[in-house]
Amino acid sequence: MIDLIGIVAVVGVVVWLFGRRRPPTRPAPEDDVTTPVDRDELEDAERELADDPDPRSLHDGWGDDEDDWGPGAA
């Protein structure tokens, strides 16, 4: 009788572990791979960066209020 209870418990744990269905993941907006790349715009942006007379590092001026241009900026 103890063996039967053990077998039922093990089967129950296995079913509980492997039988749960997880909801399918929903694609995020940035996962959109169907949008074509605008090659002309990309080349223009690369050319603009290459021709920048005063290039700065990403971390130059980090935290300056005058350079804050992101969402929620005043």
Protein backbone atom coordinates (compact mmCIF):
# COMPACT_ATOMS: atom_id res chain seq x y z
CA MET A 1 0.00 0.00 0.00
CA ILE A 2 2.88 2.37 0.81
CA ASP A 3 4.41 1.61 -2.61
CA LEU A 4 1.15 2.52 -4.35
CA ILE A 5 0.96 5.87 -2.52
CA GLY A 6 4.60 6.59 -3.45
CA ILE A 7 4.01 5.79 -7.11
CA VAL A 8 0.87 7.96 -7.21
CA ALA A 9 2.79 10.80 -5.54
CA VAL A 10 5.68 10.57 -8.03
CA VAL A 11 3.29 10.44 -10.98
CA GLY A 12 1.41 13.43 -9.56
CA VAL A 13 4.62 15.46 -9.22
CA VAL A 14 5.73 14.57 -12.77
CA VAL A 15 2.33 15.53 -14.19
CA TRP A 16 2.37 18.76 -12.17
CA LEU A 17 5.86 19.69 -13.42
CA PHE A 18 5.47 18.79 -17.07
CA GLY A 19 1.74 19.15 -17.55
CA ARG A 20 1.49 22.87 -16.83
CA ARG A 21 0.94 24.93 -19.92
CA ARG A 22 2.63 28.27 -20.08
CA PRO A 23 0.92 31.05 -21.98
CA PRO A 24 2.56 31.71 -25.34
CA THR A 25 4.90 34.66 -25.40
CA ARG A 26 3.58 37.68 -27.24
CA PRO A 27 5.95 39.42 -29.62
CA ALA A 28 7.13 42.82 -28.48
CA PRO A 29 6.93 45.81 -30.84
CA GLU A 30 10.70 45.80 -31.25
CA ASP A 31 10.52 42.21 -32.51
CA ASP A 32 8.91 43.40 -35.75
CA VAL A 33 11.21 41.96 -38.38
CA THR A 34 8.92 42.62 -41.33
CA THR A 35 9.72 46.34 -41.53
CA PRO A 36 12.22 46.92 -44.34
CA VAL A 37 15.39 48.89 -43.63
CA ASP A 38 15.57 52.24 -45.39
CA ARG A 39 19.12 51.95 -46.74
CA ASP A 40 19.25 55.57 -48.01
CA GLU A 41 18.29 56.97 -44.63
CA LEU A 42 20.79 54.68 -42.89
CA GLU A 43 23.61 55.75 -45.23
CA ASP A 44 22.69 59.43 -44.71
CA ALA A 45 22.85 59.00 -40.94
CA GLU A 46 26.22 57.20 -41.13
CA ARG A 47 27.57 59.92 -43.39
CA GLU A 48 26.32 62.61 -41.00
CA LEU A 49 28.10 60.91 -38.08
CA ALA A 50 31.31 60.52 -40.08
CA ASP A 51 31.26 64.20 -41.09
CA ASP A 52 30.54 65.50 -37.57
CA PRO A 53 33.08 68.28 -36.89
CA ASP A 54 32.81 67.90 -33.09
CA PRO A 55 32.30 64.21 -32.26
CA ARG A 56 31.74 63.37 -28.60
CA SER A 57 31.75 60.17 -26.66
CA LEU A 58 28.44 58.85 -25.42
CA HIS A 59 29.50 59.56 -21.84
CA ASP A 60 30.68 63.14 -22.48
CA GLY A 61 28.25 65.43 -20.76
CA TRP A 62 26.39 62.53 -19.21
CA GLY A 63 23.93 63.96 -16.71
CA ASP A 64 24.01 67.54 -17.99
CA ASP A 65 20.55 69.06 -17.90
CA GLU A 66 21.11 70.94 -21.13
CA ASP A 67 21.65 67.70 -23.07
CA ASP A 68 18.52 66.04 -21.69
CA TRP A 69 16.29 65.52 -24.70
CA GLY A 70 14.59 62.19 -23.90
CA PRO A 71 11.02 61.42 -22.89
CA GLY A 72 9.82 63.54 -20.01
CA ALA A 73 12.47 66.21 -20.53
CA ALA A 74 11.41 69.72 -19.74
